[in-house]
Structures are given as C-alpha cells and as structure tokens.
Amino acid sequence: MTSLPRRLLVAQRGEIALRIIGACDALGIETVLAASAADLDSLPARRAGRTVCVGEAPATQSYLLADAMVHAALATGCDALHPGYGFLSENAGLARTCADEGLIFVGPSARHLVGFGDKVTARRLAGQAGVPLLPGRSVDGVGDALAVAEELGYPLLLKAAHGGGGKGIRIVRSQAELRESFPVAASEAVASFGDGRLYVERYVAAGKHLEVQIAGDRHATTIHLGERECSLQYGYQKLLEESPSPSLTPRERADLLACAVALGGEVGYDNLGTVEFLFDVQRRELFFLEVNPRIQVEHPVTEAVTGVDLVQEQIRIACGQPLSVAQRDVAFDGHAIECRVNAQIPTADGLLPRPGRIDRWEPPDLPGVRVDSHCFSSYLVPPYYDALLAKVIAHAGDRPAAIALMRDALDAFVVDGVPTTISLHQTVLAHPAFAAGEVTTSWLDEELADLLMETA
C-alpha cells in the first residue's frame, strides 16, 4: 500500500496524542481519538475530529485494551491506528490484529516487536550485526544468576527480559544482594510485563546513555538521524535529552551511528526505532542496551536538529512508502535540549508524583523554543497516568546557547497549582557538571539531595 490512510485512530492520550493529531492534520488524514472516561474533555479530545470512549480511567481498563482499540478503529471507519509511545506501542498482538483486520499499524511489524521486545533476543540480533555487547546472559533462576556472577564479578545489573521504564532492574554488589534482589526483580517483571525472566550483565558505574534514531522502510533502506544523549535520569527515568551528545569524539560518534544502522539493516527494520547504548566513560567503550521499536518521548530534539518530522515519516513508512529523505540529505543544524516538565515534587527520597488541578498555565513563547503539551489553566492532572505535563525543547546554534535559551524558557514558564520539575531542571542547567558534559546516568541519583539543599 502506498496511499496514506483516510482516517486514523489515535490510541493514546496526552501530548503524544496531540502530536499525532497535528501530524495527521498536516498530511490531510482525519483523526479519531480513543480516550478513557477521564480524558473525554482533554485537549486532544477537543482537537481530534472525533472522540470515542474506550473504557474507564485506569489504563488497564482503557488504554491497555488492545481489542477495544481495534474495535474502536473499525467502528469509526478508520483504516490506520497509531499507538504513540507507552501503553500498546510495543504490543505485537495488537500489530497482528491490525494486520488481520486490514488496519495499518503505525509501527514496526509484529516480527520486529517480538524480536526487540525481548531483551535476550535483541542482544542476539545485535551480536549478529556486530554491535558490541556488555558481558552477561539470560539466567534461569537465582542459582544460575549466582553462577554467572562468579564468571563476571560484582557489581552486576539484574534486568527484566521484557519492558522498560526502570521496572525489574536492580544493581547487586554481592551474593547476598543477588539472592535478595532476584525474587523482587522477577516479581516486579511479572507484575509489569507478564514475564518474570531476568538476565545479568556487567554494571558500568560511570556510564552515559546514548541512543540513535534510526528509520527503515520496506524498500531495504535504513538511515540514522543522529544521536541523543539521555544521561540525566533519576531511577532510570529520563528527565533531559539533548542532541548531539556532548560526550563523543567524531570517531566515537561515527562508530555509534554505524552500529545502529547495521542493526537496523541486519533485521530489515521497517519503521522508526531507537537503538540505545551505554557508553562506559572510563573505558570509552560503547555497549548495546536495547531497541525501542516506536516513537520516543525525546524525538523532538532530533526533529529540531534535522528538520525531519518524524511522526509524519512514521505514518508514510507504515503505509509502505519509501523514506522521504536519504542519508545524504540529512543535515544536522545546531544543538537541541529537551526538558521534561513533570507533575512531581523533588524530595530527598526521590521524585514523587503530585496530580491535581493546574490553576495557571503559561508556557514560554520564545524564538527557538517549542513546547509540546496537553495542559491548560484549570486542567485536572489525573492520578492514573504518568506525570508528564510538557516537553520544553530549546534549539540554538551550539550547546552553550541552547542551555542559555532553555534557562530563559524555564524562567518564563509559569505553572501554579501543582509542583513541577521546573526548578530541578533550572538547578541542573546551572550546575558546572552539566555544563561540562560530565553527567552520567547515576549522577542525579547521587546528587539529588545536595541539589535540593542548594535550592532550599
């Protein structure tokens, strides 16, 4: 199929639902929003051509119901379905059902969702493509994990074979910790992903999170759209992303991009995807982490520096069209930073969610600044979903200018009624370690308490 869909079901909520609706508007595609009972009066519901209720407020009773989404698409005359990120975006069963029902699934094939959804399989595919892997392997029970630990030494990372978002992950530094953590991580993996399998790999104490945006079509073309650095995290949850990474030499960047494209080409990848890597700062070595076969929260920084509309590109690819850009046409312009503004209150114990009503919402309006958000004054932040309120993206000629622009944007951002992560971002952006590009994935976990004292 090469023609675009006439009508598309947006199986999502929040800012990504708005983002998909905007891309469809630009392509002349009608939209139907699949919303929970809690989101029937949301901004995406007001912007979509039509809204249908697919269930109650809890995601398990609405946004995670694949059959309800397919039924909503068919009942409203849609010929395509976009799952966004999270929820059902990596559900191979949904992709198969869409194909069986004649619906275009705006994502990769079920085969790729299965392959990359299982971290053990993804590691094998990466190894076949020549991508360097962290020492480690899948384990069958705590006894097997202890045996692997004897081979690799401590500390180690215990990880769920499925899923993401920091679920089912534990750092273990001794046999006792491994014995104690194994059943906890396995139970969390079962509760979060329905699969309690774990694998063990070497823990990198000083690591940076790097990822490459790739795009592949059904015409044997795979390209990259540069890399993003997402090292500023708390509890494995990303808070700030930027492109390009400030941490790589030109040779290291070339190796990173080549690895990602090789993996996409190896499997004939046919949509947008993100190949994630861990960069060992001390050894200056890259290691494969996983592949996220979907649009990412942080995709706007790539759009800012490349000028490519990734969601429009994703829809075209899903329809069987070739990529609209060749690798030689992808030009990189300046530096972009994205800050996630969450309804969370930073405390010494971590970032705690704080849903509630937003009394005043005034996002910044500055040249070079983009704000993706579904919020408005009087909006009630529901307690059922993630805490993301907005993404602020600052794009400038170089990294120092982008940091300065982001600080101006956050200073101008007014949110009353719920606490947010804006003040935390302001503190981080002013920190010498961030300015020097020295932040690693464990930096915020270690520094949060001190940073809060600085702002007190």
Protein backbone atom coordinates (compact mmCIF):
# COMPACT_ATOMS: atom_id res chain seq x y z
CA MET A 1 0.00 0.00 0.00
CA THR A 2 1.38 3.44 -0.88
CA SER A 3 -1.54 5.81 -0.27
CA LEU A 4 -1.98 7.46 3.12
CA PRO A 5 -4.90 6.42 5.34
CA ARG A 6 -8.12 8.37 5.13
CA ARG A 7 -8.85 8.17 8.86
CA LEU A 8 -6.56 7.18 11.75
CA LEU A 9 -7.32 6.10 15.30
CA VAL A 10 -5.08 7.80 17.87
CA ALA A 11 -4.74 5.10 20.53
CA GLN A 12 -3.11 7.44 23.01
CA ARG A 13 -3.51 10.38 25.38
CA GLY A 14 -1.63 13.49 26.47
CA GLU A 15 0.95 15.38 24.49
CA ILE A 16 1.79 12.50 22.12
CA ALA A 17 -1.87 12.24 21.14
CA LEU A 18 -1.80 15.92 20.22
CA ARG A 19 1.46 15.41 18.35
CA ILE A 20 -0.06 12.59 16.26
CA ILE A 21 -3.21 14.63 15.57
CA GLY A 22 -1.04 17.53 14.37
CA ALA A 23 0.93 15.26 12.02
CA CYS A 24 -2.30 13.83 10.62
CA ASP A 25 -3.71 17.31 10.09
CA ALA A 26 -0.60 18.21 8.08
CA LEU A 27 -0.99 15.08 5.94
CA GLY A 28 -4.74 15.56 5.42
CA ILE A 29 -5.70 12.49 7.49
CA GLU A 30 -8.87 12.53 9.61
CA THR A 31 -8.42 11.54 13.26
CA VAL A 32 -10.44 9.68 15.86
CA LEU A 33 -9.17 9.80 19.44
CA ALA A 34 -9.58 6.72 21.63
CA ALA A 35 -9.90 8.19 25.13
CA SER A 36 -10.60 6.89 28.60
CA ALA A 37 -13.50 8.27 30.62
CA ALA A 38 -11.01 10.54 32.41
CA ASP A 39 -9.81 12.12 29.16
CA LEU A 40 -13.07 12.82 27.34
CA ASP A 41 -12.68 16.56 27.93
CA SER A 42 -8.94 16.67 27.29
CA LEU A 43 -7.20 18.93 24.79
CA PRO A 44 -6.58 16.02 22.37
CA ALA A 45 -10.32 15.25 22.56
CA ARG A 46 -11.07 18.83 21.56
CA ARG A 47 -8.57 18.73 18.69
CA ALA A 48 -9.40 15.33 17.18
CA GLY A 49 -12.07 15.04 14.50
CA ARG A 50 -13.99 12.68 16.74
CA THR A 51 -13.53 11.04 20.15
CA VAL A 52 -14.68 7.62 21.33
CA CYS A 53 -14.56 6.33 24.88
CA VAL A 54 -12.72 3.01 25.16
CA GLY A 55 -13.08 2.41 28.88
CA GLU A 56 -12.68 3.63 32.41
CA ALA A 57 -9.90 5.85 33.73
CA PRO A 58 -7.35 3.20 34.80
CA ALA A 59 -5.12 2.32 31.85
CA THR A 60 -5.75 -1.39 32.40
CA GLN A 61 -9.43 -0.68 31.69
CA SER A 62 -8.89 1.54 28.63
CA TYR A 63 -5.51 2.38 27.03
CA LEU A 64 -4.13 -1.14 27.52
CA LEU A 65 -7.15 -2.90 25.96
CA ALA A 66 -5.96 -3.93 22.50
CA ASP A 67 -9.30 -5.42 21.47
CA ALA A 68 -11.14 -2.23 22.49
CA MET A 69 -8.75 -0.15 20.39
CA VAL A 70 -9.22 -2.31 17.31
CA HIS A 71 -12.98 -2.32 17.79
CA ALA A 72 -12.97 1.49 18.12
CA ALA A 73 -10.95 1.82 14.91
CA LEU A 74 -13.24 -0.47 12.92
CA ALA A 75 -16.43 1.02 14.35
CA THR A 76 -15.41 4.55 13.38
CA GLY A 77 -14.26 3.70 9.87
CA CYS A 78 -10.54 4.13 10.50
CA ASP A 79 -8.05 2.43 8.23
CA ALA A 80 -5.00 3.03 10.45
CA LEU A 81 -4.04 3.03 14.14
CA HIS A 82 -1.20 4.94 15.80
CA PRO A 83 -0.22 3.69 19.29
CA GLY A 84 2.20 6.52 20.16
CA TYR A 85 4.64 5.53 22.92
CA GLY A 86 4.00 3.50 26.07
CA PHE A 87 0.72 1.63 26.56
CA LEU A 88 0.25 -0.64 23.49
CA SER A 89 3.00 0.79 21.31
CA GLU A 90 5.15 -2.36 21.51
CA ASN A 91 2.30 -4.87 21.62
CA ALA A 92 2.93 -7.42 18.88
CA GLY A 93 -0.56 -8.86 19.35
CA LEU A 94 -2.11 -5.50 18.50
CA ALA A 95 0.08 -5.22 15.40
CA ARG A 96 -1.02 -8.69 14.27
CA THR A 97 -4.70 -7.99 14.93
CA CYS A 98 -4.50 -4.74 12.99
CA ALA A 99 -2.99 -6.63 10.06
CA ASP A 100 -5.67 -9.32 10.27
CA GLU A 101 -8.41 -6.67 10.29
CA GLY A 102 -6.92 -4.68 7.42
CA LEU A 103 -5.78 -1.78 9.61
CA ILE A 104 -2.43 -0.06 9.11
CA PHE A 105 -0.45 -0.29 12.35
CA VAL A 106 1.78 2.77 12.56
CA GLY A 107 4.77 0.97 13.96
CA PRO A 108 7.13 -1.82 13.01
CA SER A 109 6.00 -5.31 12.05
CA ALA A 110 4.94 -7.79 14.73
CA ARG A 111 8.11 -9.73 13.93
CA HIS A 112 10.29 -6.80 14.95
CA LEU A 113 8.18 -6.04 18.01
CA VAL A 114 8.64 -9.60 19.20
CA GLY A 115 12.36 -9.60 18.44
CA PHE A 116 13.17 -6.30 20.10
CA GLY A 117 10.60 -6.62 22.88
CA ASP A 118 12.61 -9.49 24.34
CA LYS A 119 15.96 -8.11 25.52
CA VAL A 120 17.57 -11.52 25.25
CA THR A 121 16.56 -11.83 21.59
CA ALA A 122 17.54 -8.22 20.95
CA ARG A 123 21.02 -8.91 22.33
CA ARG A 124 21.38 -11.87 19.99
CA LEU A 125 20.31 -9.79 16.99
CA ALA A 126 22.72 -7.02 17.98
CA GLY A 127 25.53 -9.53 18.28
CA GLN A 128 24.76 -10.85 14.80
CA ALA A 129 25.06 -7.29 13.47
CA GLY A 130 28.46 -6.86 15.10
CA VAL A 131 27.26 -4.44 17.79
CA PRO A 132 29.36 -4.72 20.98
CA LEU A 133 27.55 -6.30 23.95
CA LEU A 134 28.09 -5.98 27.68
CA PRO A 135 29.29 -9.26 29.16
CA GLY A 136 26.28 -11.17 30.51
CA ARG A 137 23.45 -13.52 29.61
CA SER A 138 19.92 -14.60 30.49
CA VAL A 139 19.57 -16.68 33.63
CA ASP A 140 17.23 -19.43 34.78
CA GLY A 141 16.73 -18.91 38.49
CA VAL A 142 18.84 -17.46 41.26
CA GLY A 143 21.28 -20.37 41.21
CA ASP A 144 22.09 -19.73 37.58
CA ALA A 145 22.42 -15.99 38.31
CA LEU A 146 24.94 -16.74 41.06
CA ALA A 147 26.94 -18.86 38.63
CA VAL A 148 27.03 -16.01 36.10
CA ALA A 149 28.08 -13.64 38.87
CA GLU A 150 31.05 -15.88 39.62
CA GLU A 151 32.12 -15.53 35.98
CA LEU A 152 31.62 -11.76 35.70
CA GLY A 153 32.29 -10.49 39.22
CA TYR A 154 30.37 -7.78 41.09
CA PRO A 155 28.73 -5.28 40.79
CA LEU A 156 26.15 -6.56 38.33
CA LEU A 157 22.90 -5.40 36.86
CA LEU A 158 19.88 -7.65 37.14
CA LYS A 159 17.35 -6.77 34.43
CA ALA A 160 13.93 -7.92 33.26
CA ALA A 161 13.99 -9.60 29.86
CA HIS A 162 10.94 -7.55 28.82
CA GLY A 163 9.80 -3.97 29.24
CA GLY A 164 11.49 -0.74 30.25
CA GLY A 165 11.00 2.33 32.40
CA GLY A 166 13.32 1.03 35.09
CA LYS A 167 10.98 -1.81 36.09
CA GLY A 168 12.60 -5.06 37.15
CA ILE A 169 16.11 -3.61 37.37
CA ARG A 170 18.43 -3.97 40.38
CA ILE A 171 22.10 -3.26 41.00
CA VAL A 172 23.65 -6.07 43.02
CA ARG A 173 27.04 -5.83 44.66
CA SER A 174 27.33 -9.17 46.46
CA GLN A 175 25.96 -12.70 46.63
CA ALA A 176 23.67 -11.69 49.46
CA GLU A 177 22.23 -8.79 47.46
CA LEU A 178 21.76 -11.03 44.44
CA ARG A 179 19.89 -13.65 46.48
CA GLU A 180 17.70 -10.93 47.99
CA SER A 181 17.09 -8.93 44.80
CA PHE A 182 16.40 -11.76 42.37
CA PRO A 183 12.87 -12.67 43.52
CA VAL A 184 11.97 -8.98 43.94
CA ALA A 185 13.07 -8.10 40.39
CA ALA A 186 11.37 -11.20 38.98
CA SER A 187 8.10 -10.38 40.74
CA GLU A 188 8.24 -6.78 39.51
CA ALA A 189 8.88 -8.02 35.97
CA VAL A 190 5.86 -10.32 36.15
CA ALA A 191 3.65 -7.55 37.53
CA SER A 192 4.81 -5.01 34.93
CA PHE A 193 5.32 -7.11 31.81
CA GLY A 194 3.78 -10.51 32.50
CA ASP A 195 7.19 -12.14 32.08
CA GLY A 196 9.50 -12.82 35.02
CA ARG A 197 12.60 -13.81 33.05
CA LEU A 198 15.77 -11.95 34.00
CA TYR A 199 19.27 -11.58 32.67
CA VAL A 200 22.52 -10.48 34.25
CA GLU A 201 25.15 -8.18 32.82
CA ARG A 202 28.20 -6.26 33.98
CA TYR A 203 27.36 -2.99 35.77
CA VAL A 204 29.02 0.13 34.41
CA ALA A 205 29.47 2.59 37.27
CA ALA A 206 30.21 5.66 35.14
CA GLY A 207 28.05 5.34 32.07
CA LYS A 208 26.29 7.64 29.66
CA HIS A 209 23.00 6.80 27.98
CA LEU A 210 23.29 7.36 24.24
CA GLU A 211 20.75 6.45 21.60
CA VAL A 212 20.48 6.64 17.84
CA GLN A 213 17.31 7.47 15.95
CA ILE A 214 17.02 5.12 13.00
CA ALA A 215 14.39 4.86 10.29
CA GLY A 216 13.88 1.98 7.90
CA ASP A 217 11.38 1.31 5.15
CA ARG A 218 10.17 -1.73 3.21
CA HIS A 219 12.48 -0.85 0.34
CA ALA A 220 15.66 -2.06 2.06
CA THR A 221 16.73 1.39 3.23
CA THR A 222 17.93 2.14 6.76
CA ILE A 223 19.23 5.55 7.82
CA HIS A 224 20.12 7.32 11.05
CA LEU A 225 19.05 10.77 12.15
CA GLY A 226 21.83 11.35 14.62
CA GLU A 227 22.19 10.52 18.27
CA ARG A 228 20.68 11.76 21.52
CA GLU A 229 22.23 11.78 24.97
CA CYS A 230 19.80 10.96 27.78
CA SER A 231 22.19 10.61 30.74
CA LEU A 232 20.24 12.86 33.10
CA GLN A 233 17.97 10.27 34.73
CA TYR A 234 16.53 9.54 38.12
CA GLY A 235 15.81 5.90 38.94
CA TYR A 236 16.27 5.01 35.23
CA GLN A 237 13.62 7.60 34.27
CA LYS A 238 14.87 10.13 31.72
CA LEU A 239 14.46 13.80 32.59
CA LEU A 240 16.51 15.68 29.99
CA GLU A 241 17.70 14.79 26.49
CA GLU A 242 19.92 16.57 24.01
CA SER A 243 21.25 16.19 20.50
CA PRO A 244 24.04 15.88 19.59
CA SER A 245 25.77 14.25 22.56
CA PRO A 246 28.48 16.44 24.10
CA SER A 247 30.43 13.34 25.13
CA LEU A 248 31.70 11.80 21.91
CA THR A 249 34.69 12.31 19.67
CA PRO A 250 33.96 12.33 15.92
CA ARG A 251 35.33 8.78 15.65
CA GLU A 252 33.20 7.52 18.55
CA ARG A 253 30.12 9.17 17.03
CA ALA A 254 30.76 7.53 13.66
CA ASP A 255 31.10 4.12 15.34
CA LEU A 256 27.88 4.67 17.31
CA LEU A 257 25.84 5.63 14.25
CA ALA A 258 27.30 2.82 12.15
CA CYS A 259 26.39 0.22 14.80
CA ALA A 260 22.78 1.40 14.93
CA VAL A 261 22.34 1.39 11.16
CA ALA A 262 23.98 -2.03 10.93
CA LEU A 263 21.49 -3.47 13.41
CA GLY A 264 18.52 -1.95 11.59
CA GLY A 265 19.80 -3.27 8.28
CA GLU A 266 20.52 -6.71 9.73
CA VAL A 267 16.86 -7.27 10.60
CA GLY A 268 15.29 -5.24 7.75
CA TYR A 269 13.72 -2.82 10.21
CA ASP A 270 10.65 -1.08 8.78
CA ASN A 271 9.67 1.94 10.89
CA LEU A 272 11.11 4.42 13.37
CA GLY A 273 13.24 2.94 16.09
CA THR A 274 15.80 3.90 18.69
CA VAL A 275 18.91 1.86 19.31
CA GLU A 276 20.13 2.51 22.84
CA PHE A 277 23.71 2.23 24.05
CA LEU A 278 25.65 2.52 27.27
CA PHE A 279 28.89 4.48 26.92
CA ASP A 280 31.48 3.48 29.51
CA VAL A 281 33.17 6.80 30.30
CA GLN A 282 36.24 5.26 31.93
CA ARG A 283 36.92 2.73 29.18
CA ARG A 284 35.43 4.91 26.41
CA GLU A 285 33.60 1.89 25.05
CA LEU A 286 30.10 1.54 23.62
CA PHE A 287 27.78 -1.31 24.51
CA PHE A 288 24.34 -2.22 23.18
CA LEU A 289 21.43 -1.77 25.60
CA GLU A 290 18.18 -2.32 23.72
CA VAL A 291 15.98 -1.21 20.84
CA ASN A 292 12.80 0.78 21.36
CA PRO A 293 10.63 0.00 18.30
CA ARG A 294 8.40 3.09 18.42
CA ILE A 295 8.38 6.88 18.52
CA GLN A 296 10.24 8.15 21.59
CA VAL A 297 9.29 10.86 24.09
CA GLU A 298 12.50 12.65 23.21
CA HIS A 299 12.00 12.66 19.42
CA PRO A 300 11.61 16.49 19.23
CA VAL A 301 15.34 17.13 19.80
CA THR A 302 16.06 15.04 16.70
CA GLU A 303 13.39 16.91 14.78
CA ALA A 304 14.93 20.21 15.88
CA VAL A 305 18.43 19.46 14.62
CA THR A 306 17.42 17.59 11.44
CA GLY A 307 14.21 19.37 10.39
CA VAL A 308 12.58 15.97 9.72
CA ASP A 309 9.02 15.48 11.01
CA LEU A 310 9.39 12.01 12.50
CA VAL A 311 5.70 11.30 13.09
CA GLN A 312 4.78 12.15 9.50
CA GLU A 313 7.68 10.00 8.35
CA GLN A 314 6.48 7.16 10.57
CA ILE A 315 2.98 7.26 9.04
CA ARG A 316 4.35 7.23 5.49
CA ILE A 317 6.62 4.26 6.22
CA ALA A 318 3.75 2.31 7.76
CA CYS A 319 1.84 2.78 4.52
CA GLY A 320 4.66 1.20 2.54
CA GLN A 321 6.08 4.42 1.17
CA PRO A 322 9.85 4.84 0.90
CA LEU A 323 11.67 7.18 3.28
CA SER A 324 11.31 10.77 2.12
CA VAL A 325 14.96 11.52 2.96
CA ALA A 326 18.16 9.73 2.01
CA GLN A 327 21.11 9.57 4.39
CA ARG A 328 23.00 12.10 2.30
CA ASP A 329 20.09 14.55 2.66
CA VAL A 330 20.04 14.50 6.47
CA ALA A 331 21.77 17.69 7.64
CA PHE A 332 22.40 18.48 11.30
CA ASP A 333 21.88 22.04 12.48
CA GLY A 334 22.98 23.29 15.90
CA HIS A 335 22.09 21.81 19.28
CA ALA A 336 18.75 20.98 20.94
CA ILE A 337 17.83 20.21 24.56
CA GLU A 338 14.55 18.83 25.87
CA CYS A 339 13.42 19.12 29.49
CA ARG A 340 10.54 17.01 30.74
CA VAL A 341 8.23 19.03 32.97
CA ASN A 342 6.55 16.51 35.25
CA ALA A 343 3.94 16.93 37.97
CA GLN A 344 6.39 15.74 40.57
CA ILE A 345 7.90 17.19 43.69
CA PRO A 346 11.65 16.62 44.10
CA THR A 347 12.46 15.35 47.60
CA ALA A 348 15.46 13.73 49.20
CA ASP A 349 13.59 10.44 48.75
CA GLY A 350 13.11 10.95 45.03
CA LEU A 351 10.64 12.49 42.59
CA LEU A 352 7.14 11.98 43.96
CA PRO A 353 4.06 12.37 41.71
CA ARG A 354 1.64 15.15 42.61
CA PRO A 355 -1.52 15.13 40.46
CA GLY A 356 -4.03 17.92 40.95
CA ARG A 357 -5.59 20.93 39.26
CA ILE A 358 -3.44 23.41 37.36
CA ASP A 359 -4.60 26.90 38.35
CA ARG A 360 -2.36 28.82 35.98
CA TRP A 361 -0.55 27.54 32.87
CA GLU A 362 1.61 29.95 30.87
CA PRO A 363 4.22 28.19 28.72
CA PRO A 364 7.15 30.20 27.34
CA ASP A 365 6.83 31.86 23.96
CA LEU A 366 10.39 32.47 22.77
CA PRO A 367 12.11 32.12 19.37
CA GLY A 368 13.81 28.72 19.17
CA VAL A 369 11.62 27.21 21.89
CA ARG A 370 8.99 24.53 21.28
CA VAL A 371 6.55 23.29 23.92
CA ASP A 372 4.68 20.01 23.44
CA SER A 373 1.89 19.76 26.00
CA HIS A 374 -1.75 18.85 26.52
CA CYS A 375 -2.19 21.06 29.60
CA PHE A 376 -4.00 24.35 30.16
CA SER A 377 -5.20 26.52 33.02
CA SER A 378 -7.83 24.65 35.10
CA TYR A 379 -6.68 21.25 33.70
CA LEU A 380 -7.00 18.46 36.25
CA VAL A 381 -3.90 16.24 36.15
CA PRO A 382 -5.36 12.75 36.67
CA PRO A 383 -3.69 10.31 39.06
CA TYR A 384 -3.99 7.34 36.71
CA TYR A 385 -1.18 8.03 34.23
CA ASP A 386 2.41 9.22 34.07
CA ALA A 387 3.34 12.63 35.43
CA LEU A 388 4.48 14.25 32.16
CA LEU A 389 2.92 17.69 31.71
CA ALA A 390 5.08 19.19 28.97
CA LYS A 391 8.26 18.89 26.99
CA VAL A 392 10.24 22.09 26.51
CA ILE A 393 12.66 21.99 23.59
CA ALA A 394 15.30 24.70 23.08
CA HIS A 395 17.20 24.80 19.77
CA ALA A 396 20.19 27.09 19.17
CA GLY A 397 23.44 27.27 17.26
CA ASP A 398 25.55 25.42 19.81
CA ARG A 399 25.26 23.76 23.22
CA PRO A 400 26.04 26.80 25.41
CA ALA A 401 23.45 28.85 23.51
CA ALA A 402 20.88 26.04 23.81
CA ILE A 403 21.48 25.82 27.57
CA ALA A 404 21.07 29.60 27.92
CA LEU A 405 17.87 29.53 25.85
CA MET A 406 16.45 26.67 27.91
CA ARG A 407 17.17 28.54 31.15
CA ASP A 408 15.31 31.57 29.77
CA ALA A 409 12.40 29.35 28.72
CA LEU A 410 12.09 27.68 32.11
CA ASP A 411 12.35 31.04 33.88
CA ALA A 412 9.39 32.21 31.79
CA PHE A 413 7.30 29.06 32.33
CA VAL A 414 4.51 29.68 34.89
CA VAL A 415 2.70 26.68 36.40
CA ASP A 416 0.57 27.19 39.52
CA GLY A 417 -1.48 24.58 41.32
CA VAL A 418 0.79 21.53 41.08
CA PRO A 419 4.51 21.19 41.84
CA THR A 420 6.73 20.51 38.83
CA THR A 421 10.29 19.57 37.94
CA ILE A 422 11.00 23.03 36.50
CA SER A 423 13.07 24.15 39.49
CA LEU A 424 15.09 20.93 39.40
CA HIS A 425 15.89 21.50 35.72
CA GLN A 426 16.94 25.07 36.47
CA THR A 427 19.35 23.84 39.13
CA VAL A 428 20.79 21.14 36.86
CA LEU A 429 21.24 23.52 33.91
CA ALA A 430 23.22 25.88 36.16
CA HIS A 431 25.46 23.12 37.51
CA PRO A 432 29.11 23.02 36.34
CA ALA A 433 28.97 19.25 35.82
CA PHE A 434 26.13 19.59 33.32
CA ALA A 435 27.79 22.49 31.54
CA ALA A 436 30.94 20.38 31.19
CA GLY A 437 29.00 17.40 29.82
CA GLU A 438 30.13 15.23 32.75
CA VAL A 439 26.70 13.97 33.88
CA THR A 440 26.34 10.17 33.91
CA THR A 441 23.26 8.01 34.41
CA SER A 442 23.89 7.73 38.16
CA TRP A 443 24.74 11.43 38.71
CA LEU A 444 21.27 12.67 39.67
CA ASP A 445 20.58 9.69 41.93
CA GLU A 446 23.75 10.57 43.82
CA GLU A 447 23.39 14.37 43.76
CA LEU A 448 19.65 14.98 44.20
CA ALA A 449 19.77 15.58 47.95
CA ASP A 450 22.64 18.10 47.60
CA LEU A 451 20.95 19.83 44.67
CA LEU A 452 17.79 20.28 46.73
CA MET A 453 19.82 21.82 49.54
CA GLU A 454 21.31 24.29 47.06
CA THR A 455 17.84 25.43 46.00
CA ALA A 456 16.36 25.50 49.53
